Structure formats: C-alpha cells, structure tokens
Amino acid sequence: MSYKRIRSLARGISVLQHLSAVKAATAAEIAKNAGLPRPTVYRILETLVEEGLIYQSRSSSSVYRLTADVRDLSAGFIDASSPGHDSDKDEPALTDCSSRDSSYLS
C-alpha cells in the first residue's frame, strides 16, 4: 500500500536536517537551502520551537539551533548491524497469501 506523501512533514524534516548539518542558521538561510518560501520556514520554525526541538539563540534571536530533545527522536532506533541483533524478531512478518491453495473455498 502506498500513501500520499505529507509535504509539510517532509519540509519540517528538511529543516531539522539542515540545522543538524550546520548547527545554527537563520530562517533566510534555511529557506534558501531548503528551497522553501520564507513564510513557510517561519511557520515550521515556530512549530519546532513549540515542540521543543529547536530554540532561538539568545545572542541573536534570528538564529535557530537544535535542542537536546532532538536526540530523543532516535531513542527507539535499533541498529540492525549491531552484534546480537536478531532482525527477524523486530521486523513484522508478511505472508504472501496469493500463492496459497484456495481450493477449500470452492
């Protein structure tokens, strides 16, 4: 099943990725890097500030930085390549039902 992409979520992730790469940036810098309109970037930044994932720098209110709460987003990450990891236990099992014998249905 394929779902329609959520553009606003993708844009928010793009902002977080940019801040992660550069450590600090203004809304104008983020807008230019992400190719987004500046008003859109401001709305994303306000949302991320309200969620506690970024903050405006005290030294310059036009500069945004990540908070330590961003690390919590990766708290549930499981590295499949780590020793002792059994990927079969963590992955959902999918079964192909199309090839099963369905003669009992007739």
Protein backbone atom coordinates (compact mmCIF):
# COMPACT_ATOMS: atom_id res chain seq x y z
CA MET A 1 0.00 0.00 0.00
CA SER A 2 1.28 3.40 -0.92
CA TYR A 3 0.33 6.54 0.97
CA LYS A 4 0.34 10.09 -0.25
CA ARG A 5 3.44 11.94 0.90
CA ILE A 6 2.89 14.52 3.66
CA ARG A 7 4.65 17.56 2.26
CA SER A 8 4.60 19.59 5.49
CA LEU A 9 6.24 16.74 7.39
CA ALA A 10 8.92 16.39 4.72
CA ARG A 11 9.58 20.13 4.91
CA GLY A 12 9.91 20.02 8.71
CA ILE A 13 12.35 17.12 8.47
CA SER A 14 14.32 19.07 5.87
CA VAL A 15 14.63 21.99 8.31
CA LEU A 16 15.78 19.67 11.10
CA GLN A 17 18.33 18.03 8.79
CA HIS A 18 19.71 21.40 7.74
CA LEU A 19 20.05 22.58 11.34
CA SER A 20 21.72 19.30 12.23
CA ALA A 21 24.27 19.80 9.45
CA VAL A 22 25.10 23.45 10.08
CA LYS A 23 24.43 23.67 13.86
CA ALA A 24 22.82 27.15 13.59
CA ALA A 25 21.02 29.07 10.87
CA THR A 26 18.67 31.95 10.22
CA ALA A 27 15.25 31.50 8.64
CA ALA A 28 16.59 33.08 5.45
CA GLU A 29 19.47 30.60 5.28
CA ILE A 30 17.14 27.68 5.90
CA ALA A 31 14.67 28.91 3.27
CA LYS A 32 17.45 29.27 0.70
CA ASN A 33 18.96 25.86 1.47
CA ALA A 34 15.62 24.03 1.52
CA GLY A 35 14.17 25.91 -1.42
CA LEU A 36 11.13 26.90 0.63
CA PRO A 37 9.27 30.20 0.91
CA ARG A 38 10.39 32.16 3.97
CA PRO A 39 6.84 32.38 5.47
CA THR A 40 6.64 28.58 5.32
CA VAL A 41 10.00 28.28 7.06
CA TYR A 42 8.85 30.66 9.81
CA ARG A 43 5.75 28.53 10.44
CA ILE A 44 7.87 25.37 10.57
CA LEU A 45 10.37 27.03 12.91
CA GLU A 46 7.60 28.25 15.23
CA THR A 47 6.14 24.75 15.35
CA LEU A 48 9.53 23.18 16.07
CA VAL A 49 10.16 25.75 18.84
CA GLU A 50 6.73 24.97 20.37
CA GLU A 51 7.56 21.24 20.24
CA GLY A 52 10.88 21.87 21.99
CA LEU A 53 13.05 20.56 19.15
CA ILE A 54 14.74 23.88 18.32
CA TYR A 55 15.27 27.23 20.02
CA GLN A 56 16.17 30.78 19.06
CA SER A 57 19.68 31.70 20.09
CA ARG A 58 19.94 34.16 22.99
CA SER A 59 22.80 36.03 21.31
CA SER A 60 20.86 36.54 18.10
CA SER A 61 17.12 35.95 18.02
CA SER A 62 17.25 35.39 14.27
CA VAL A 63 19.43 32.26 14.67
CA TYR A 64 17.90 28.86 15.35
CA ARG A 65 19.60 25.81 16.88
CA LEU A 66 18.59 22.25 17.77
CA THR A 67 17.77 21.35 21.37
CA ALA A 68 18.91 18.19 23.14
CA ASP A 69 15.35 16.87 22.76
CA VAL A 70 16.15 16.07 19.13
CA ARG A 71 18.21 13.12 20.42
CA ASP A 72 15.02 11.62 21.87
CA LEU A 73 13.77 11.11 18.32
CA SER A 74 16.39 8.40 17.85
CA ALA A 75 15.89 6.72 21.24
CA GLY A 76 13.98 3.82 19.70
CA PHE A 77 16.47 3.30 16.87
CA ILE A 78 17.73 -0.27 16.54
CA ASP A 79 20.88 -0.76 14.51
CA ALA A 80 20.29 -3.93 12.51
CA SER A 81 24.03 -4.35 12.03
CA SER A 82 24.85 -4.41 15.74
CA PRO A 83 26.14 -7.69 17.22
CA GLY A 84 23.46 -9.91 18.73
CA HIS A 85 20.65 -8.21 16.86
CA ASP A 86 18.09 -10.66 15.55
CA SER A 87 16.29 -8.78 12.81
CA ASP A 88 13.62 -11.48 12.47
CA LYS A 89 12.30 -10.64 15.94
CA ASP A 90 11.98 -6.92 15.23
CA GLU A 91 10.59 -7.00 11.72
CA PRO A 92 6.92 -7.65 11.11
CA ALA A 93 6.27 -10.88 9.28
CA LEU A 94 4.44 -10.54 5.98
CA THR A 95 2.97 -13.54 4.24
CA ASP A 96 2.17 -13.82 0.56
CA CYS A 97 -1.35 -15.19 0.53
CA SER A 98 -1.74 -15.11 -3.25
CA SER A 99 0.06 -18.45 -3.78
CA ARG A 100 -1.85 -20.44 -1.15
CA ASP A 101 -4.13 -23.31 -2.08
CA SER A 102 -7.62 -21.88 -2.09
CA SER A 103 -9.45 -24.99 -3.29
CA TYR A 104 -11.21 -25.31 0.07
CA LEU A 105 -13.06 -22.05 -0.71
CA SER A 106 -15.00 -23.61 -3.61
